[in-house]
Amino acid sequence: MGKLTKLIAIPGFMQDEAAWDNLSDFVDEIFVARPATEQAASFDALCQELHKRVASNTDNQDRPALLGYSFGGRLALEYALRHADALGALIIESASFGPATEEERAAAAERNEAWARRIESESIEEVVQWWEALLIFADQQSLPTEAQEAQRAMRLRQDPQMLASLLRGAGVQQMQPQATHFEHLVACAQNCTPVHFIFGSDDAKYAALAAQLPKQIQCHEIKGGHNVHLGAPSEYRRILAGIMGA
């Protein structure tokens, strides 16, 4: 695999383009999942819109790399199921690869419906306060004040109805099974589309997932929590540079 010249990044849930500000020199285009207000969110519809962006960043045989963080990683995985041949590389940061069992799918559906109802019934200020208090974001409390304020401002900008729609229509419960993703990604790697998984060593859920991934998926561990591109940008940049061949 030669040098990759284009990188498209997808931010996480309750984020927008500003999520990648500290990697602006690496990222060529940012795709924010914004379902049309007149229709429910779905992976099919979001992947159709994403495919337009990928196509516009493809020059002859020069295929872009696709990077997704958390929710963005799940969308990137679903996109790769549909259009793996359009990608030069797939980079997943701290994201689920789909429900491992039907029990996990049911639990995710129940949780995301409860979260969607909470988002619909509370003010965005209350929602953001609750979201930032989740254990998965605990390490972000040690970030510099400026970085914390930027994260909060970005979350406060989000549309609650859109967030609820994403939880219902593009939550983990709507993904293809984990085994399907694993099998497909092994085939991708064997057919010259490298697959990378970046995770924080202190993010117990995704550190455990990394240990379960097929060997064809290249894992990169960074000291940090759930959002390692925010918490450890220097190491993240080093890994990205290696993937992109910079």
C-alpha atoms as a PDB file:
ATOM      1  CA  MET A   1       0.000   0.000   0.000  1.00  0.00           C
ATOM      2  CA  GLY A   2       1.411   3.325  -1.061  1.00  0.00           C
ATOM      3  CA  LYS A   3       0.894   6.718   0.464  1.00  0.00           C
ATOM      4  CA  LEU A   4      -2.708   7.698   1.203  1.00  0.00           C
ATOM      5  CA  THR A   5      -3.370  11.295   0.182  1.00  0.00           C
ATOM      6  CA  LYS A   6      -6.926  11.929   1.454  1.00  0.00           C
ATOM      7  CA  LEU A   7      -8.488  11.401   4.888  1.00  0.00           C
ATOM      8  CA  ILE A   8     -12.212  11.742   5.606  1.00  0.00           C
ATOM      9  CA  ALA A   9     -13.133  11.869   9.302  1.00  0.00           C
ATOM     10  CA  ILE A  10     -16.471  11.256  11.034  1.00  0.00           C
ATOM     11  CA  PRO A  11     -16.953  12.716  14.537  1.00  0.00           C
ATOM     12  CA  GLY A  12     -18.717  11.031  17.407  1.00  0.00           C
ATOM     13  CA  PHE A  13     -22.193  11.422  18.845  1.00  0.00           C
ATOM     14  CA  MET A  14     -23.045  14.960  19.995  1.00  0.00           C
ATOM     15  CA  GLN A  15     -20.104  16.313  17.977  1.00  0.00           C
ATOM     16  CA  ASP A  16     -19.581  18.250  14.761  1.00  0.00           C
ATOM     17  CA  GLU A  17     -16.716  19.427  12.539  1.00  0.00           C
ATOM     18  CA  ALA A  18     -14.938  21.035  15.504  1.00  0.00           C
ATOM     19  CA  ALA A  19     -14.200  17.579  16.915  1.00  0.00           C
ATOM     20  CA  TRP A  20     -11.264  17.309  14.518  1.00  0.00           C
ATOM     21  CA  ASP A  21      -9.868  20.827  14.938  1.00  0.00           C
ATOM     22  CA  ASN A  22      -6.642  19.560  16.476  1.00  0.00           C
ATOM     23  CA  LEU A  23      -6.026  17.322  13.441  1.00  0.00           C
ATOM     24  CA  SER A  24      -6.979  19.841  10.754  1.00  0.00           C
ATOM     25  CA  ASP A  25      -3.650  19.364   8.981  1.00  0.00           C
ATOM     26  CA  PHE A  26      -4.373  15.624   8.593  1.00  0.00           C
ATOM     27  CA  VAL A  27      -8.093  15.671   7.813  1.00  0.00           C
ATOM     28  CA  ASP A  28      -9.173  16.670   4.293  1.00  0.00           C
ATOM     29  CA  GLU A  29     -12.924  16.438   4.803  1.00  0.00           C
ATOM     30  CA  ILE A  30     -15.310  15.917   7.715  1.00  0.00           C
ATOM     31  CA  PHE A  31     -18.625  14.122   7.371  1.00  0.00           C
ATOM     32  CA  VAL A  32     -21.150  14.928  10.100  1.00  0.00           C
ATOM     33  CA  ALA A  33     -24.140  12.585  10.273  1.00  0.00           C
ATOM     34  CA  ARG A  34     -27.144  14.868   9.977  1.00  0.00           C
ATOM     35  CA  PRO A  35     -30.300  12.953   9.079  1.00  0.00           C
ATOM     36  CA  ALA A  36     -32.924  14.874   7.161  1.00  0.00           C
ATOM     37  CA  THR A  37     -35.491  16.303   9.564  1.00  0.00           C
ATOM     38  CA  GLU A  38     -38.378  14.810   7.619  1.00  0.00           C
ATOM     39  CA  GLN A  39     -37.100  11.241   7.917  1.00  0.00           C
ATOM     40  CA  ALA A  40     -35.749   8.964  10.604  1.00  0.00           C
ATOM     41  CA  ALA A  41     -32.029   8.299  10.681  1.00  0.00           C
ATOM     42  CA  SER A  42     -30.765   5.046   9.207  1.00  0.00           C
ATOM     43  CA  PHE A  43     -27.384   3.598   8.346  1.00  0.00           C
ATOM     44  CA  ASP A  44     -28.514   3.109   4.748  1.00  0.00           C
ATOM     45  CA  ALA A  45     -29.384   6.784   4.284  1.00  0.00           C
ATOM     46  CA  LEU A  46     -26.273   8.031   6.092  1.00  0.00           C
ATOM     47  CA  CYS A  47     -24.031   5.724   4.082  1.00  0.00           C
ATOM     48  CA  GLN A  48     -25.547   7.005   0.842  1.00  0.00           C
ATOM     49  CA  GLU A  49     -24.646  10.567   1.820  1.00  0.00           C
ATOM     50  CA  LEU A  50     -21.192   9.520   2.993  1.00  0.00           C
ATOM     51  CA  HIS A  51     -20.565   7.711  -0.285  1.00  0.00           C
ATOM     52  CA  LYS A  52     -21.016  11.007  -2.156  1.00  0.00           C
ATOM     53  CA  ARG A  53     -18.247  12.532  -0.026  1.00  0.00           C
ATOM     54  CA  VAL A  54     -15.968   9.552  -0.556  1.00  0.00           C
ATOM     55  CA  ALA A  55     -16.543   9.690  -4.321  1.00  0.00           C
ATOM     56  CA  SER A  56     -15.728  13.406  -4.424  1.00  0.00           C
ATOM     57  CA  ASN A  57     -12.409  12.674  -2.690  1.00  0.00           C
ATOM     58  CA  THR A  58     -11.424   9.847  -5.042  1.00  0.00           C
ATOM     59  CA  ASP A  59      -8.972  10.632  -7.837  1.00  0.00           C
ATOM     60  CA  ASN A  60      -8.604   7.809 -10.365  1.00  0.00           C
ATOM     61  CA  GLN A  61      -7.322   4.879  -8.265  1.00  0.00           C
ATOM     62  CA  ASP A  62      -6.348   7.061  -5.308  1.00  0.00           C
ATOM     63  CA  ARG A  63      -8.894   6.006  -2.700  1.00  0.00           C
ATOM     64  CA  PRO A  64      -9.302   7.995   0.535  1.00  0.00           C
ATOM     65  CA  ALA A  65      -8.882   6.657   4.049  1.00  0.00           C
ATOM     66  CA  LEU A  66     -11.959   6.802   6.286  1.00  0.00           C
ATOM     67  CA  LEU A  67     -11.588   7.566   9.997  1.00  0.00           C
ATOM     68  CA  GLY A  68     -14.434   7.361  12.499  1.00  0.00           C
ATOM     69  CA  TYR A  69     -14.528   8.041  16.229  1.00  0.00           C
ATOM     70  CA  SER A  70     -17.088   6.299  18.493  1.00  0.00           C
ATOM     71  CA  PHE A  71     -20.454   6.752  16.725  1.00  0.00           C
ATOM     72  CA  GLY A  72     -18.466   7.852  13.683  1.00  0.00           C
ATOM     73  CA  GLY A  73     -16.559   4.582  13.837  1.00  0.00           C
ATOM     74  CA  ARG A  74     -19.795   2.617  13.796  1.00  0.00           C
ATOM     75  CA  LEU A  75     -20.958   4.547  10.750  1.00  0.00           C
ATOM     76  CA  ALA A  76     -17.585   3.935   9.072  1.00  0.00           C
ATOM     77  CA  LEU A  77     -17.938   0.193   9.721  1.00  0.00           C
ATOM     78  CA  GLU A  78     -21.415   0.106   8.226  1.00  0.00           C
ATOM     79  CA  TYR A  79     -20.152   2.104   5.235  1.00  0.00           C
ATOM     80  CA  ALA A  80     -17.309  -0.367   4.721  1.00  0.00           C
ATOM     81  CA  LEU A  81     -19.826  -3.226   4.567  1.00  0.00           C
ATOM     82  CA  ARG A  82     -21.469  -1.480   1.633  1.00  0.00           C
ATOM     83  CA  HIS A  83     -18.525   0.177  -0.147  1.00  0.00           C
ATOM     84  CA  ALA A  84     -15.218  -1.291   1.036  1.00  0.00           C
ATOM     85  CA  ASP A  85     -13.813  -1.089  -2.489  1.00  0.00           C
ATOM     86  CA  ALA A  86     -14.088   2.719  -2.318  1.00  0.00           C
ATOM     87  CA  LEU A  87     -11.618   2.986   0.579  1.00  0.00           C
ATOM     88  CA  GLY A  88      -7.849   3.048   0.757  1.00  0.00           C
ATOM     89  CA  ALA A  89      -7.924   2.277   4.486  1.00  0.00           C
ATOM     90  CA  LEU A  90     -10.428   2.074   7.335  1.00  0.00           C
ATOM     91  CA  ILE A  91      -9.507   3.575  10.719  1.00  0.00           C
ATOM     92  CA  ILE A  92     -11.792   2.996  13.699  1.00  0.00           C
ATOM     93  CA  GLU A  93     -11.303   4.794  17.008  1.00  0.00           C
ATOM     94  CA  SER A  94     -13.032   3.560  20.184  1.00  0.00           C
ATOM     95  CA  ALA A  95     -16.133   2.124  18.512  1.00  0.00           C
ATOM     96  CA  SER A  96     -18.311  -0.947  18.741  1.00  0.00           C
ATOM     97  CA  PHE A  97     -18.151  -3.462  15.894  1.00  0.00           C
ATOM     98  CA  GLY A  98     -21.821  -4.343  16.345  1.00  0.00           C
ATOM     99  CA  PRO A  99     -23.744  -6.454  18.851  1.00  0.00           C
ATOM    100  CA  ALA A 100     -22.105  -9.798  19.608  1.00  0.00           C
ATOM    101  CA  THR A 101     -25.442 -11.406  20.571  1.00  0.00           C
ATOM    102  CA  GLU A 102     -29.139 -10.709  20.171  1.00  0.00           C
ATOM    103  CA  GLU A 103     -29.230 -10.032  23.913  1.00  0.00           C
ATOM    104  CA  GLU A 104     -26.688  -7.245  23.397  1.00  0.00           C
ATOM    105  CA  ARG A 105     -28.792  -5.875  20.539  1.00  0.00           C
ATOM    106  CA  ALA A 106     -31.930  -5.813  22.707  1.00  0.00           C
ATOM    107  CA  ALA A 107     -30.065  -4.142  25.578  1.00  0.00           C
ATOM    108  CA  ALA A 108     -28.670  -1.472  23.246  1.00  0.00           C
ATOM    109  CA  ALA A 109     -32.131  -0.793  21.821  1.00  0.00           C
ATOM    110  CA  GLU A 110     -33.590  -0.376  25.317  1.00  0.00           C
ATOM    111  CA  ARG A 111     -30.766   1.907  26.458  1.00  0.00           C
ATOM    112  CA  ASN A 112     -30.818   4.080  23.347  1.00  0.00           C
ATOM    113  CA  GLU A 113     -34.585   4.490  23.485  1.00  0.00           C
ATOM    114  CA  ALA A 114     -34.287   5.637  27.111  1.00  0.00           C
ATOM    115  CA  TRP A 115     -31.513   8.053  26.138  1.00  0.00           C
ATOM    116  CA  ALA A 116     -33.527   9.372  23.179  1.00  0.00           C
ATOM    117  CA  ARG A 117     -36.530  10.059  25.398  1.00  0.00           C
ATOM    118  CA  ARG A 118     -34.320  11.843  27.910  1.00  0.00           C
ATOM    119  CA  ILE A 119     -32.816  14.027  25.186  1.00  0.00           C
ATOM    120  CA  GLU A 120     -36.297  14.880  23.901  1.00  0.00           C
ATOM    121  CA  SER A 121     -37.645  15.775  27.346  1.00  0.00           C
ATOM    122  CA  GLU A 122     -34.773  17.840  28.803  1.00  0.00           C
ATOM    123  CA  SER A 123     -33.060  21.051  27.786  1.00  0.00           C
ATOM    124  CA  ILE A 124     -29.843  20.742  25.807  1.00  0.00           C
ATOM    125  CA  GLU A 125     -27.995  22.194  28.816  1.00  0.00           C
ATOM    126  CA  GLU A 126     -29.313  19.388  31.030  1.00  0.00           C
ATOM    127  CA  VAL A 127     -28.527  16.786  28.394  1.00  0.00           C
ATOM    128  CA  VAL A 128     -24.931  17.965  28.021  1.00  0.00           C
ATOM    129  CA  GLN A 129     -24.435  18.042  31.794  1.00  0.00           C
ATOM    130  CA  TRP A 130     -25.659  14.440  32.025  1.00  0.00           C
ATOM    131  CA  TRP A 131     -23.579  13.329  29.015  1.00  0.00           C
ATOM    132  CA  GLU A 132     -20.350  14.826  30.341  1.00  0.00           C
ATOM    133  CA  ALA A 133     -20.855  13.037  33.655  1.00  0.00           C
ATOM    134  CA  LEU A 134     -20.860   9.584  32.023  1.00  0.00           C
ATOM    135  CA  LEU A 135     -17.996   7.434  33.276  1.00  0.00           C
ATOM    136  CA  ILE A 136     -16.638   6.923  29.767  1.00  0.00           C
ATOM    137  CA  PHE A 137     -15.726  10.638  29.640  1.00  0.00           C
ATOM    138  CA  ALA A 138     -14.220  10.835  33.144  1.00  0.00           C
ATOM    139  CA  ASP A 139     -10.683  11.422  31.869  1.00  0.00           C
ATOM    140  CA  GLN A 140     -11.819  14.529  29.981  1.00  0.00           C
ATOM    141  CA  GLN A 141     -12.213  16.315  33.306  1.00  0.00           C
ATOM    142  CA  SER A 142      -8.417  16.513  33.459  1.00  0.00           C
ATOM    143  CA  LEU A 143      -8.119  18.226  30.073  1.00  0.00           C
ATOM    144  CA  PRO A 144      -7.090  21.894  29.983  1.00  0.00           C
ATOM    145  CA  THR A 145      -9.997  24.223  30.709  1.00  0.00           C
ATOM    146  CA  GLU A 146      -9.961  25.575  27.165  1.00  0.00           C
ATOM    147  CA  ALA A 147     -10.363  22.072  25.702  1.00  0.00           C
ATOM    148  CA  GLN A 148     -13.199  21.225  28.097  1.00  0.00           C
ATOM    149  CA  GLU A 149     -15.008  24.445  27.223  1.00  0.00           C
ATOM    150  CA  ALA A 150     -14.635  23.750  23.498  1.00  0.00           C
ATOM    151  CA  GLN A 151     -16.117  20.263  23.941  1.00  0.00           C
ATOM    152  CA  ARG A 152     -19.047  21.672  25.920  1.00  0.00           C
ATOM    153  CA  ALA A 153     -19.730  24.413  23.386  1.00  0.00           C
ATOM    154  CA  MET A 154     -19.756  21.845  20.574  1.00  0.00           C
ATOM    155  CA  ARG A 155     -22.215  19.614  22.438  1.00  0.00           C
ATOM    156  CA  LEU A 156     -24.496  22.534  23.238  1.00  0.00           C
ATOM    157  CA  ARG A 157     -24.754  23.346  19.510  1.00  0.00           C
ATOM    158  CA  GLN A 158     -26.397  20.025  18.684  1.00  0.00           C
ATOM    159  CA  ASP A 159     -30.053  19.560  17.744  1.00  0.00           C
ATOM    160  CA  PRO A 160     -31.819  17.324  20.326  1.00  0.00           C
ATOM    161  CA  GLN A 161     -34.286  15.934  17.774  1.00  0.00           C
ATOM    162  CA  MET A 162     -31.448  14.918  15.477  1.00  0.00           C
ATOM    163  CA  LEU A 163     -29.597  13.277  18.384  1.00  0.00           C
ATOM    164  CA  ALA A 164     -32.678  11.281  19.359  1.00  0.00           C
ATOM    165  CA  SER A 165     -33.148  10.212  15.734  1.00  0.00           C
ATOM    166  CA  LEU A 166     -29.550   8.992  15.533  1.00  0.00           C
ATOM    167  CA  LEU A 167     -29.924   6.978  18.728  1.00  0.00           C
ATOM    168  CA  ARG A 168     -33.014   5.225  17.430  1.00  0.00           C
ATOM    169  CA  GLY A 169     -32.103   4.776  13.792  1.00  0.00           C
ATOM    170  CA  ALA A 170     -28.307   4.472  13.849  1.00  0.00           C
ATOM    171  CA  GLY A 171     -27.535   3.134  17.305  1.00  0.00           C
ATOM    172  CA  VAL A 172     -25.586  -0.049  17.987  1.00  0.00           C
ATOM    173  CA  GLN A 173     -28.850  -1.999  17.841  1.00  0.00           C
ATOM    174  CA  GLN A 174     -29.156  -1.141  14.130  1.00  0.00           C
ATOM    175  CA  MET A 175     -25.697  -2.420  13.189  1.00  0.00           C
ATOM    176  CA  GLN A 176     -24.978  -5.707  11.489  1.00  0.00           C
ATOM    177  CA  PRO A 177     -23.769  -8.406  13.940  1.00  0.00           C
ATOM    178  CA  GLN A 178     -20.221  -8.230  15.232  1.00  0.00           C
ATOM    179  CA  ALA A 179     -19.365 -11.537  13.541  1.00  0.00           C
ATOM    180  CA  THR A 180     -20.470 -10.127  10.175  1.00  0.00           C
ATOM    181  CA  HIS A 181     -18.195  -7.111  10.608  1.00  0.00           C
ATOM    182  CA  PHE A 182     -15.255  -9.263  11.712  1.00  0.00           C
ATOM    183  CA  GLU A 183     -15.606 -11.564   8.687  1.00  0.00           C
ATOM    184  CA  HIS A 184     -15.936  -8.652   6.287  1.00  0.00           C
ATOM    185  CA  LEU A 185     -12.972  -6.733   7.717  1.00  0.00           C
ATOM    186  CA  VAL A 186     -10.735  -9.784   7.452  1.00  0.00           C
ATOM    187  CA  ALA A 187     -11.664  -9.948   3.762  1.00  0.00           C
ATOM    188  CA  CYS A 188     -10.949  -6.217   3.411  1.00  0.00           C
ATOM    189  CA  ALA A 189      -7.488  -6.608   4.906  1.00  0.00           C
ATOM    190  CA  GLN A 190      -6.755  -9.586   2.658  1.00  0.00           C
ATOM    191  CA  ASN A 191      -7.837  -7.539  -0.374  1.00  0.00           C
ATOM    192  CA  CYS A 192      -5.505  -4.582   0.261  1.00  0.00           C
ATOM    193  CA  THR A 193      -7.809  -2.336   2.313  1.00  0.00           C
ATOM    194  CA  PRO A 194      -5.984  -2.092   5.661  1.00  0.00           C
ATOM    195  CA  VAL A 195      -8.150  -1.905   8.772  1.00  0.00           C
ATOM    196  CA  HIS A 196      -6.912  -0.169  11.941  1.00  0.00           C
ATOM    197  CA  PHE A 197      -8.374   0.068  15.443  1.00  0.00           C
ATOM    198  CA  ILE A 198      -7.149   2.850  17.760  1.00  0.00           C
ATOM    199  CA  PHE A 199      -8.108   2.746  21.423  1.00  0.00           C
ATOM    200  CA  GLY A 200      -7.158   4.102  24.827  1.00  0.00           C
ATOM    201  CA  SER A 201      -5.515   1.805  27.349  1.00  0.00           C
ATOM    202  CA  ASP A 202      -7.726   3.240  30.115  1.00  0.00           C
ATOM    203  CA  ASP A 203     -10.937   2.674  28.130  1.00  0.00           C
ATOM    204  CA  ALA A 204     -11.737  -0.770  29.555  1.00  0.00           C
ATOM    205  CA  LYS A 205     -14.566  -1.645  27.156  1.00  0.00           C
ATOM    206  CA  TYR A 206     -12.601  -0.996  23.991  1.00  0.00           C
ATOM    207  CA  ALA A 207      -9.317  -2.310  25.337  1.00  0.00           C
ATOM    208  CA  ALA A 208     -11.154  -5.599  25.922  1.00  0.00           C
ATOM    209  CA  LEU A 209     -12.638  -5.432  22.418  1.00  0.00           C
ATOM    210  CA  ALA A 210      -9.190  -4.941  20.912  1.00  0.00           C
ATOM    211  CA  ALA A 211      -8.121  -8.263  22.427  1.00  0.00           C
ATOM    212  CA  GLN A 212     -11.001 -10.000  20.608  1.00  0.00           C
ATOM    213  CA  LEU A 213     -10.409  -8.557  17.143  1.00  0.00           C
ATOM    214  CA  PRO A 214      -9.179 -10.759  14.297  1.00  0.00           C
ATOM    215  CA  LYS A 215      -5.420 -10.549  13.835  1.00  0.00           C
ATOM    216  CA  GLN A 216      -5.893  -8.971  10.408  1.00  0.00           C
ATOM    217  CA  ILE A 217      -7.151  -5.790  12.109  1.00  0.00           C
ATOM    218  CA  GLN A 218      -4.153  -3.721  13.186  1.00  0.00           C
ATOM    219  CA  CYS A 219      -4.550  -2.412  16.749  1.00  0.00           C
ATOM    220  CA  HIS A 220      -2.910   0.741  18.109  1.00  0.00           C
ATOM    221  CA  GLU A 221      -3.020   1.327  21.859  1.00  0.00           C
ATOM    222  CA  ILE A 222      -2.574   4.842  23.229  1.00  0.00           C
ATOM    223  CA  LYS A 223      -2.343   5.820  26.876  1.00  0.00           C
ATOM    224  CA  GLY A 224      -5.652   7.529  27.517  1.00  0.00           C
ATOM    225  CA  GLY A 225      -9.410   7.186  27.688  1.00  0.00           C
ATOM    226  CA  HIS A 226     -12.247   7.014  25.187  1.00  0.00           C
ATOM    227  CA  ASN A 227     -11.341  10.009  22.997  1.00  0.00           C
ATOM    228  CA  VAL A 228      -7.618   9.537  22.416  1.00  0.00           C
ATOM    229  CA  HIS A 229      -7.345  11.932  19.483  1.00  0.00           C
ATOM    230  CA  LEU A 230      -8.376  14.664  21.924  1.00  0.00           C
ATOM    231  CA  GLY A 231      -6.499  13.441  24.987  1.00  0.00           C
ATOM    232  CA  ALA A 232      -3.240  12.284  23.382  1.00  0.00           C
ATOM    233  CA  PRO A 233      -2.922  14.161  20.069  1.00  0.00           C
ATOM    234  CA  SER A 234       0.839  13.762  19.656  1.00  0.00           C
ATOM    235  CA  GLU A 235       0.758   9.968  19.799  1.00  0.00           C
ATOM    236  CA  TYR A 236      -2.388   9.917  17.689  1.00  0.00           C
ATOM    237  CA  ARG A 237      -0.652  12.010  15.038  1.00  0.00           C
ATOM    238  CA  ARG A 238       2.292   9.615  15.010  1.00  0.00           C
ATOM    239  CA  ILE A 239      -0.024   6.665  14.400  1.00  0.00           C
ATOM    240  CA  LEU A 240      -2.013   8.479  11.720  1.00  0.00           C
ATOM    241  CA  ALA A 241       1.180   9.487   9.930  1.00  0.00           C
ATOM    242  CA  GLY A 242       2.248   5.844   9.845  1.00  0.00           C
ATOM    243  CA  ILE A 243      -1.113   4.707   8.488  1.00  0.00           C
ATOM    244  CA  MET A 244      -1.247   7.411   5.838  1.00  0.00           C
ATOM    245  CA  GLY A 245       2.366   6.842   4.835  1.00  0.00           C
ATOM    246  CA  ALA A 246       3.237  10.471   5.514  1.00  0.00           C
END
